Amino acid sequence: MTKAPPHKGEGHRGRLRDKFLESGLSGFHDYEVVELLLTLGTPRKDCKDAAKAALKKFKTLPAVLEASAADLADVDGIGPKNMFGIKLIKAVADRYLEKKVVRRDPLNNSQALYDYLYHSLGSNERECFRVLFLDAKNRVIASEDLFQGTLTASAVYPREVVRAAIGHKAAALIFAHNHPSGDPDPSPADVAVTRQLVFACLTMGITVHEHLVVGHNRYFSFADHGYISEMNREFRQSEIRRTSVNEP
């Protein structure tokens, strides 16, 4: 039986794996990280050129990991099978960060919360509105994407948010959505929708702790900028006025 000829760079991937097992990713070039991931789905083919082409196209390692399957397939040497490692590592990282948040108090672990939201929302090409459901001890019960597309009053329905909160038996909520432009500063529509949601939830006895807008490597916190506390004051004042009007 004729032995298959060695592929270009045979032995190189073995050295890469040994290097990783010995010292982690320290000393690795970004293209070598991508190359190592490509080898997971490519038993007998050199992946160095494809890895370098991916870095050239997407510019950074995070951009490669966040690229869509269609965009990765446009890179010479990358196809549906050998992109497996790239898509797997991104999914595993998302799951790992989610598990660090669930059943913990995100109000006292804001870095873990931001890491989870940035890695799971930051690469979306469309706006995605996520709700984190918290129990009475402010531990995350679950997270759920409820809406997609530009946030407007016609796109985000407070009753759906309240319904989901009741379904999860949540005592409090954290909202988050991404800005594909990379600029996390809230639009007037973001502020208006947040106010509607805060009022609707307070009416049902559900607390809103935060709304984070995720951009590129930074975020905007409605709570840190005083929006949430101001909206809570507005609600209380409106309730006082309503009560006084209804009193005999």
C-alpha atoms as a PDB file:
ATOM      1  CA  MET A   1       0.000   0.000   0.000  1.00  0.00           C
ATOM      2  CA  THR A   2       1.430   3.344  -1.068  1.00  0.00           C
ATOM      3  CA  LYS A   3       1.891   5.799   1.760  1.00  0.00           C
ATOM      4  CA  ALA A   4       0.314   9.225   1.193  1.00  0.00           C
ATOM      5  CA  PRO A   5       2.930  11.884   0.506  1.00  0.00           C
ATOM      6  CA  PRO A   6       3.526  14.342   3.339  1.00  0.00           C
ATOM      7  CA  HIS A   7       1.552  17.582   3.055  1.00  0.00           C
ATOM      8  CA  LYS A   8       3.235  20.968   2.985  1.00  0.00           C
ATOM      9  CA  GLY A   9       4.372  21.838   6.469  1.00  0.00           C
ATOM     10  CA  GLU A  10       3.870  18.342   7.913  1.00  0.00           C
ATOM     11  CA  GLY A  11       5.365  18.369  11.398  1.00  0.00           C
ATOM     12  CA  HIS A  12       4.706  22.085  11.751  1.00  0.00           C
ATOM     13  CA  ARG A  13       1.218  21.592  13.211  1.00  0.00           C
ATOM     14  CA  GLY A  14       2.645  19.083  15.655  1.00  0.00           C
ATOM     15  CA  ARG A  15       5.170  21.643  16.801  1.00  0.00           C
ATOM     16  CA  LEU A  16       2.398  24.221  17.159  1.00  0.00           C
ATOM     17  CA  ARG A  17       0.381  21.861  19.337  1.00  0.00           C
ATOM     18  CA  ASP A  18       3.393  20.988  21.477  1.00  0.00           C
ATOM     19  CA  LYS A  19       4.196  24.680  21.875  1.00  0.00           C
ATOM     20  CA  PHE A  20       0.630  25.383  23.012  1.00  0.00           C
ATOM     21  CA  LEU A  21       0.594  22.475  25.474  1.00  0.00           C
ATOM     22  CA  GLU A  22       3.889  23.657  26.962  1.00  0.00           C
ATOM     23  CA  SER A  23       3.222  27.386  27.319  1.00  0.00           C
ATOM     24  CA  GLY A  24      -0.310  28.218  26.134  1.00  0.00           C
ATOM     25  CA  LEU A  25      -0.647  30.933  23.526  1.00  0.00           C
ATOM     26  CA  SER A  26       2.310  32.922  24.818  1.00  0.00           C
ATOM     27  CA  GLY A  27       4.599  33.685  21.888  1.00  0.00           C
ATOM     28  CA  PHE A  28       2.014  32.727  19.252  1.00  0.00           C
ATOM     29  CA  HIS A  29       1.365  35.031  16.330  1.00  0.00           C
ATOM     30  CA  ASP A  30      -2.335  35.629  15.658  1.00  0.00           C
ATOM     31  CA  TYR A  31      -2.121  33.761  12.352  1.00  0.00           C
ATOM     32  CA  GLU A  32      -0.685  30.754  14.225  1.00  0.00           C
ATOM     33  CA  VAL A  33      -3.735  30.745  16.520  1.00  0.00           C
ATOM     34  CA  VAL A  34      -6.015  30.707  13.472  1.00  0.00           C
ATOM     35  CA  GLU A  35      -3.829  28.039  11.862  1.00  0.00           C
ATOM     36  CA  LEU A  36      -4.114  25.843  14.945  1.00  0.00           C
ATOM     37  CA  LEU A  37      -7.908  26.204  14.922  1.00  0.00           C
ATOM     38  CA  LEU A  38      -8.103  25.349  11.218  1.00  0.00           C
ATOM     39  CA  THR A  39      -6.176  22.125  11.777  1.00  0.00           C
ATOM     40  CA  LEU A  40      -9.020  20.824  13.969  1.00  0.00           C
ATOM     41  CA  GLY A  41     -11.146  20.380  10.850  1.00  0.00           C
ATOM     42  CA  THR A  42      -8.326  19.708   8.384  1.00  0.00           C
ATOM     43  CA  PRO A  43      -6.588  16.352   8.966  1.00  0.00           C
ATOM     44  CA  ARG A  44      -4.092  16.458   6.103  1.00  0.00           C
ATOM     45  CA  LYS A  45      -3.600  19.907   4.671  1.00  0.00           C
ATOM     46  CA  ASP A  46      -1.280  22.772   5.505  1.00  0.00           C
ATOM     47  CA  CYS A  47      -3.300  25.661   6.973  1.00  0.00           C
ATOM     48  CA  LYS A  48      -0.676  28.383   7.338  1.00  0.00           C
ATOM     49  CA  ASP A  49      -1.483  30.198   4.077  1.00  0.00           C
ATOM     50  CA  ALA A  50      -5.232  30.115   4.770  1.00  0.00           C
ATOM     51  CA  ALA A  51      -4.646  31.445   8.291  1.00  0.00           C
ATOM     52  CA  LYS A  52      -2.526  34.329   7.004  1.00  0.00           C
ATOM     53  CA  ALA A  53      -5.144  35.088   4.338  1.00  0.00           C
ATOM     54  CA  ALA A  54      -7.853  35.225   7.018  1.00  0.00           C
ATOM     55  CA  LEU A  55      -5.835  37.683   9.120  1.00  0.00           C
ATOM     56  CA  LYS A  56      -5.174  39.794   6.032  1.00  0.00           C
ATOM     57  CA  LYS A  57      -8.883  39.912   5.188  1.00  0.00           C
ATOM     58  CA  PHE A  58     -10.302  40.491   8.686  1.00  0.00           C
ATOM     59  CA  LYS A  59      -7.310  42.421  10.137  1.00  0.00           C
ATOM     60  CA  THR A  60      -7.544  41.106  13.729  1.00  0.00           C
ATOM     61  CA  LEU A  61      -7.918  37.790  15.533  1.00  0.00           C
ATOM     62  CA  PRO A  62     -11.240  38.780  17.169  1.00  0.00           C
ATOM     63  CA  ALA A  63     -12.604  39.755  13.757  1.00  0.00           C
ATOM     64  CA  VAL A  64     -11.680  36.318  12.392  1.00  0.00           C
ATOM     65  CA  LEU A  65     -13.434  34.582  15.284  1.00  0.00           C
ATOM     66  CA  GLU A  66     -16.516  36.781  14.878  1.00  0.00           C
ATOM     67  CA  ALA A  67     -16.719  36.453  11.078  1.00  0.00           C
ATOM     68  CA  SER A  68     -19.759  34.769   9.580  1.00  0.00           C
ATOM     69  CA  ALA A  69     -19.469  31.369   7.941  1.00  0.00           C
ATOM     70  CA  ALA A  70     -20.130  32.971   4.541  1.00  0.00           C
ATOM     71  CA  ASP A  71     -17.335  35.513   5.001  1.00  0.00           C
ATOM     72  CA  LEU A  72     -14.896  32.844   6.196  1.00  0.00           C
ATOM     73  CA  ALA A  73     -15.719  30.733   3.137  1.00  0.00           C
ATOM     74  CA  ASP A  74     -14.605  33.643   0.941  1.00  0.00           C
ATOM     75  CA  VAL A  75     -11.045  33.184   2.214  1.00  0.00           C
ATOM     76  CA  ASP A  76      -8.908  31.017  -0.042  1.00  0.00           C
ATOM     77  CA  GLY A  77      -8.242  27.707   1.696  1.00  0.00           C
ATOM     78  CA  ILE A  78     -11.119  27.934   4.178  1.00  0.00           C
ATOM     79  CA  GLY A  79     -14.254  25.905   3.592  1.00  0.00           C
ATOM     80  CA  PRO A  80     -17.256  24.577   5.506  1.00  0.00           C
ATOM     81  CA  LYS A  81     -15.281  21.751   7.110  1.00  0.00           C
ATOM     82  CA  ASN A  82     -12.051  23.359   8.209  1.00  0.00           C
ATOM     83  CA  MET A  83     -13.744  26.474   9.609  1.00  0.00           C
ATOM     84  CA  PHE A  84     -15.093  24.090  12.285  1.00  0.00           C
ATOM     85  CA  GLY A  85     -12.398  25.007  14.804  1.00  0.00           C
ATOM     86  CA  ILE A  86     -12.974  28.742  14.425  1.00  0.00           C
ATOM     87  CA  LYS A  87     -16.727  28.481  14.901  1.00  0.00           C
ATOM     88  CA  LEU A  88     -16.315  25.979  17.749  1.00  0.00           C
ATOM     89  CA  ILE A  89     -13.941  28.125  19.795  1.00  0.00           C
ATOM     90  CA  LYS A  90     -16.244  31.150  19.493  1.00  0.00           C
ATOM     91  CA  ALA A  91     -19.265  29.113  20.614  1.00  0.00           C
ATOM     92  CA  VAL A  92     -17.309  27.582  23.509  1.00  0.00           C
ATOM     93  CA  ALA A  93     -16.102  31.016  24.633  1.00  0.00           C
ATOM     94  CA  ASP A  94     -19.669  32.353  24.552  1.00  0.00           C
ATOM     95  CA  ARG A  95     -20.918  29.371  26.584  1.00  0.00           C
ATOM     96  CA  TYR A  96     -18.075  29.731  29.093  1.00  0.00           C
ATOM     97  CA  LEU A  97     -18.736  33.443  29.648  1.00  0.00           C
ATOM     98  CA  GLU A  98     -22.471  32.827  29.956  1.00  0.00           C
ATOM     99  CA  LYS A  99     -21.869  30.184  32.630  1.00  0.00           C
ATOM    100  CA  LYS A 100     -19.727  32.677  34.568  1.00  0.00           C
ATOM    101  CA  VAL A 101     -22.736  34.998  34.725  1.00  0.00           C
ATOM    102  CA  VAL A 102     -25.671  32.630  35.250  1.00  0.00           C
ATOM    103  CA  ARG A 103     -26.530  32.013  38.923  1.00  0.00           C
ATOM    104  CA  ARG A 104     -24.235  34.840  39.981  1.00  0.00           C
ATOM    105  CA  ASP A 105     -24.840  38.451  40.941  1.00  0.00           C
ATOM    106  CA  PRO A 106     -23.954  40.541  37.858  1.00  0.00           C
ATOM    107  CA  LEU A 107     -24.374  43.772  39.811  1.00  0.00           C
ATOM    108  CA  ASN A 108     -21.225  42.854  41.759  1.00  0.00           C
ATOM    109  CA  ASN A 109     -19.437  41.291  38.799  1.00  0.00           C
ATOM    110  CA  SER A 110     -19.785  43.888  36.064  1.00  0.00           C
ATOM    111  CA  GLN A 111     -16.623  42.791  34.223  1.00  0.00           C
ATOM    112  CA  ALA A 112     -17.920  39.237  33.765  1.00  0.00           C
ATOM    113  CA  LEU A 113     -21.260  40.657  32.627  1.00  0.00           C
ATOM    114  CA  TYR A 114     -19.625  42.950  30.075  1.00  0.00           C
ATOM    115  CA  ASP A 115     -17.303  40.173  28.850  1.00  0.00           C
ATOM    116  CA  TYR A 116     -20.282  37.902  28.272  1.00  0.00           C
ATOM    117  CA  LEU A 117     -22.323  40.580  26.495  1.00  0.00           C
ATOM    118  CA  TYR A 118     -19.440  41.859  24.392  1.00  0.00           C
ATOM    119  CA  HIS A 119     -18.399  38.433  23.127  1.00  0.00           C
ATOM    120  CA  SER A 120     -21.948  37.248  22.467  1.00  0.00           C
ATOM    121  CA  LEU A 121     -23.434  40.480  21.091  1.00  0.00           C
ATOM    122  CA  GLY A 122     -20.502  42.524  19.853  1.00  0.00           C
ATOM    123  CA  SER A 123     -20.096  40.724  16.526  1.00  0.00           C
ATOM    124  CA  ASN A 124     -23.775  40.860  15.509  1.00  0.00           C
ATOM    125  CA  GLU A 125     -24.374  42.755  12.298  1.00  0.00           C
ATOM    126  CA  ARG A 126     -27.914  43.652  13.425  1.00  0.00           C
ATOM    127  CA  GLU A 127     -29.041  45.143  16.694  1.00  0.00           C
ATOM    128  CA  CYS A 128     -30.090  42.447  19.133  1.00  0.00           C
ATOM    129  CA  PHE A 129     -32.013  43.156  22.339  1.00  0.00           C
ATOM    130  CA  ARG A 130     -31.184  40.798  25.194  1.00  0.00           C
ATOM    131  CA  VAL A 131     -32.804  40.472  28.601  1.00  0.00           C
ATOM    132  CA  LEU A 132     -31.112  38.955  31.647  1.00  0.00           C
ATOM    133  CA  PHE A 133     -33.631  37.673  34.184  1.00  0.00           C
ATOM    134  CA  LEU A 134     -32.648  37.922  37.861  1.00  0.00           C
ATOM    135  CA  ASP A 135     -34.089  36.340  40.974  1.00  0.00           C
ATOM    136  CA  ALA A 136     -34.779  38.127  44.278  1.00  0.00           C
ATOM    137  CA  LYS A 137     -31.068  37.845  45.206  1.00  0.00           C
ATOM    138  CA  ASN A 138     -30.037  39.428  41.880  1.00  0.00           C
ATOM    139  CA  ARG A 139     -28.624  36.188  40.533  1.00  0.00           C
ATOM    140  CA  VAL A 140     -29.071  35.598  36.812  1.00  0.00           C
ATOM    141  CA  ILE A 141     -31.713  32.946  36.147  1.00  0.00           C
ATOM    142  CA  ALA A 142     -31.522  33.060  32.363  1.00  0.00           C
ATOM    143  CA  SER A 143     -30.799  35.297  29.402  1.00  0.00           C
ATOM    144  CA  GLU A 144     -32.882  35.577  26.259  1.00  0.00           C
ATOM    145  CA  ASP A 145     -32.757  37.497  22.988  1.00  0.00           C
ATOM    146  CA  LEU A 146     -36.230  38.976  22.547  1.00  0.00           C
ATOM    147  CA  PHE A 147     -35.943  41.358  19.598  1.00  0.00           C
ATOM    148  CA  GLN A 148     -33.725  42.029  16.583  1.00  0.00           C
ATOM    149  CA  GLY A 149     -33.357  45.121  14.464  1.00  0.00           C
ATOM    150  CA  THR A 150     -33.128  48.824  15.252  1.00  0.00           C
ATOM    151  CA  LEU A 151     -34.606  49.603  18.655  1.00  0.00           C
ATOM    152  CA  THR A 152     -37.776  51.642  18.269  1.00  0.00           C
ATOM    153  CA  ALA A 153     -41.081  51.748  20.104  1.00  0.00           C
ATOM    154  CA  SER A 154     -42.598  49.677  17.289  1.00  0.00           C
ATOM    155  CA  ALA A 155     -39.860  47.016  17.463  1.00  0.00           C
ATOM    156  CA  VAL A 156     -39.631  46.411  21.226  1.00  0.00           C
ATOM    157  CA  TYR A 157     -42.832  45.453  23.003  1.00  0.00           C
ATOM    158  CA  PRO A 158     -42.912  46.064  26.775  1.00  0.00           C
ATOM    159  CA  ARG A 159     -45.680  43.498  27.217  1.00  0.00           C
ATOM    160  CA  GLU A 160     -43.437  40.798  25.712  1.00  0.00           C
ATOM    161  CA  VAL A 161     -40.644  41.729  28.110  1.00  0.00           C
ATOM    162  CA  VAL A 162     -43.017  41.636  31.084  1.00  0.00           C
ATOM    163  CA  ARG A 163     -44.506  38.333  29.898  1.00  0.00           C
ATOM    164  CA  ALA A 164     -41.047  36.775  29.636  1.00  0.00           C
ATOM    165  CA  ALA A 165     -40.097  38.124  33.074  1.00  0.00           C
ATOM    166  CA  ILE A 166     -43.204  36.594  34.634  1.00  0.00           C
ATOM    167  CA  GLY A 167     -42.531  33.322  32.816  1.00  0.00           C
ATOM    168  CA  HIS A 168     -39.045  33.175  34.357  1.00  0.00           C
ATOM    169  CA  LYS A 169     -40.405  34.311  37.741  1.00  0.00           C
ATOM    170  CA  ALA A 170     -37.895  37.139  37.637  1.00  0.00           C
ATOM    171  CA  ALA A 171     -37.753  39.827  40.301  1.00  0.00           C
ATOM    172  CA  ALA A 172     -35.459  42.102  38.315  1.00  0.00           C
ATOM    173  CA  LEU A 173     -34.067  42.572  34.808  1.00  0.00           C
ATOM    174  CA  ILE A 174     -30.986  43.791  32.988  1.00  0.00           C
ATOM    175  CA  PHE A 175     -31.352  44.915  29.381  1.00  0.00           C
ATOM    176  CA  ALA A 176     -28.591  44.918  26.796  1.00  0.00           C
ATOM    177  CA  HIS A 177     -28.295  45.543  23.094  1.00  0.00           C
ATOM    178  CA  ASN A 178     -25.470  46.081  20.640  1.00  0.00           C
ATOM    179  CA  HIS A 179     -24.683  48.900  18.231  1.00  0.00           C
ATOM    180  CA  PRO A 180     -23.143  47.383  15.077  1.00  0.00           C
ATOM    181  CA  SER A 181     -21.617  50.788  14.287  1.00  0.00           C
ATOM    182  CA  GLY A 182     -19.340  50.309  17.295  1.00  0.00           C
ATOM    183  CA  ASP A 183     -20.450  53.549  18.967  1.00  0.00           C
ATOM    184  CA  PRO A 184     -22.302  52.654  22.188  1.00  0.00           C
ATOM    185  CA  ASP A 185     -23.752  56.123  22.846  1.00  0.00           C
ATOM    186  CA  PRO A 186     -27.555  55.722  23.119  1.00  0.00           C
ATOM    187  CA  SER A 187     -29.879  57.224  20.534  1.00  0.00           C
ATOM    188  CA  PRO A 188     -33.036  59.133  21.526  1.00  0.00           C
ATOM    189  CA  ALA A 189     -34.963  55.988  20.551  1.00  0.00           C
ATOM    190  CA  ASP A 190     -32.821  53.905  22.930  1.00  0.00           C
ATOM    191  CA  VAL A 191     -33.659  56.273  25.783  1.00  0.00           C
ATOM    192  CA  ALA A 192     -37.378  56.352  24.925  1.00  0.00           C
ATOM    193  CA  VAL A 193     -37.639  52.559  24.704  1.00  0.00           C
ATOM    194  CA  THR A 194     -35.775  52.134  27.977  1.00  0.00           C
ATOM    195  CA  ARG A 195     -38.174  54.518  29.719  1.00  0.00           C
ATOM    196  CA  GLN A 196     -41.173  52.569  28.392  1.00  0.00           C
ATOM    197  CA  LEU A 197     -39.675  49.306  29.594  1.00  0.00           C
ATOM    198  CA  VAL A 198     -38.769  50.637  33.043  1.00  0.00           C
ATOM    199  CA  PHE A 199     -42.307  52.018  33.525  1.00  0.00           C
ATOM    200  CA  ALA A 200     -43.968  48.805  32.298  1.00  0.00           C
ATOM    201  CA  CYS A 201     -41.836  46.636  34.572  1.00  0.00           C
ATOM    202  CA  LEU A 202     -42.320  48.845  37.630  1.00  0.00           C
ATOM    203  CA  THR A 203     -46.061  48.670  37.092  1.00  0.00           C
ATOM    204  CA  MET A 204     -45.771  44.907  37.538  1.00  0.00           C
ATOM    205  CA  GLY A 205     -43.412  45.164  40.504  1.00  0.00           C
ATOM    206  CA  ILE A 206     -40.328  44.175  38.500  1.00  0.00           C
ATOM    207  CA  THR A 207     -37.108  46.152  38.975  1.00  0.00           C
ATOM    208  CA  VAL A 208     -34.885  47.208  36.081  1.00  0.00           C
ATOM    209  CA  HIS A 209     -31.277  47.496  37.213  1.00  0.00           C
ATOM    210  CA  GLU A 210     -29.467  48.308  34.008  1.00  0.00           C
ATOM    211  CA  HIS A 211     -29.451  48.760  30.261  1.00  0.00           C
ATOM    212  CA  LEU A 212     -26.055  48.278  28.629  1.00  0.00           C
ATOM    213  CA  VAL A 213     -25.344  49.330  25.050  1.00  0.00           C
ATOM    214  CA  VAL A 214     -22.437  47.283  23.713  1.00  0.00           C
ATOM    215  CA  GLY A 215     -20.072  48.815  21.156  1.00  0.00           C
ATOM    216  CA  HIS A 216     -16.557  47.982  20.010  1.00  0.00           C
ATOM    217  CA  ASN A 217     -14.469  47.414  23.150  1.00  0.00           C
ATOM    218  CA  ARG A 218     -16.598  49.802  25.201  1.00  0.00           C
ATOM    219  CA  TYR A 219     -20.132  50.161  26.444  1.00  0.00           C
ATOM    220  CA  PHE A 220     -22.656  52.684  27.715  1.00  0.00           C
ATOM    221  CA  SER A 221     -24.359  52.070  31.050  1.00  0.00           C
ATOM    222  CA  PHE A 222     -27.777  53.633  31.572  1.00  0.00           C
ATOM    223  CA  ALA A 223     -27.384  53.032  35.313  1.00  0.00           C
ATOM    224  CA  ASP A 224     -23.931  54.611  35.582  1.00  0.00           C
ATOM    225  CA  HIS A 225     -25.142  57.710  33.734  1.00  0.00           C
ATOM    226  CA  GLY A 226     -28.144  58.127  36.026  1.00  0.00           C
ATOM    227  CA  TYR A 227     -30.846  57.265  33.497  1.00  0.00           C
ATOM    228  CA  ILE A 228     -32.305  54.334  35.429  1.00  0.00           C
ATOM    229  CA  SER A 229     -32.585  56.204  38.738  1.00  0.00           C
ATOM    230  CA  GLU A 230     -34.141  59.199  36.964  1.00  0.00           C
ATOM    231  CA  MET A 231     -36.689  56.957  35.241  1.00  0.00           C
ATOM    232  CA  ASN A 232     -37.538  55.406  38.601  1.00  0.00           C
ATOM    233  CA  ARG A 233     -38.129  58.894  40.031  1.00  0.00           C
ATOM    234  CA  GLU A 234     -40.334  59.810  37.062  1.00  0.00           C
ATOM    235  CA  PHE A 235     -42.408  56.686  37.610  1.00  0.00           C
ATOM    236  CA  ARG A 236     -42.870  57.356  41.319  1.00  0.00           C
ATOM    237  CA  GLN A 237     -43.871  60.952  40.626  1.00  0.00           C
ATOM    238  CA  SER A 238     -46.363  59.865  37.974  1.00  0.00           C
ATOM    239  CA  GLU A 239     -47.860  57.373  40.422  1.00  0.00           C
ATOM    240  CA  ILE A 240     -48.188  60.086  43.084  1.00  0.00           C
ATOM    241  CA  ARG A 241     -49.940  62.379  40.614  1.00  0.00           C
ATOM    242  CA  ARG A 242     -52.226  59.594  39.459  1.00  0.00           C
ATOM    243  CA  THR A 243     -53.153  58.682  43.017  1.00  0.00           C
ATOM    244  CA  SER A 244     -53.842  62.266  43.999  1.00  0.00           C
ATOM    245  CA  VAL A 245     -56.107  62.781  40.977  1.00  0.00           C
ATOM    246  CA  ASN A 246     -58.084  59.624  41.792  1.00  0.00           C
ATOM    247  CA  GLU A 247     -58.506  60.467  45.482  1.00  0.00           C
ATOM    248  CA  PRO A 248     -62.022  61.689  46.412  1.00  0.00           C
END
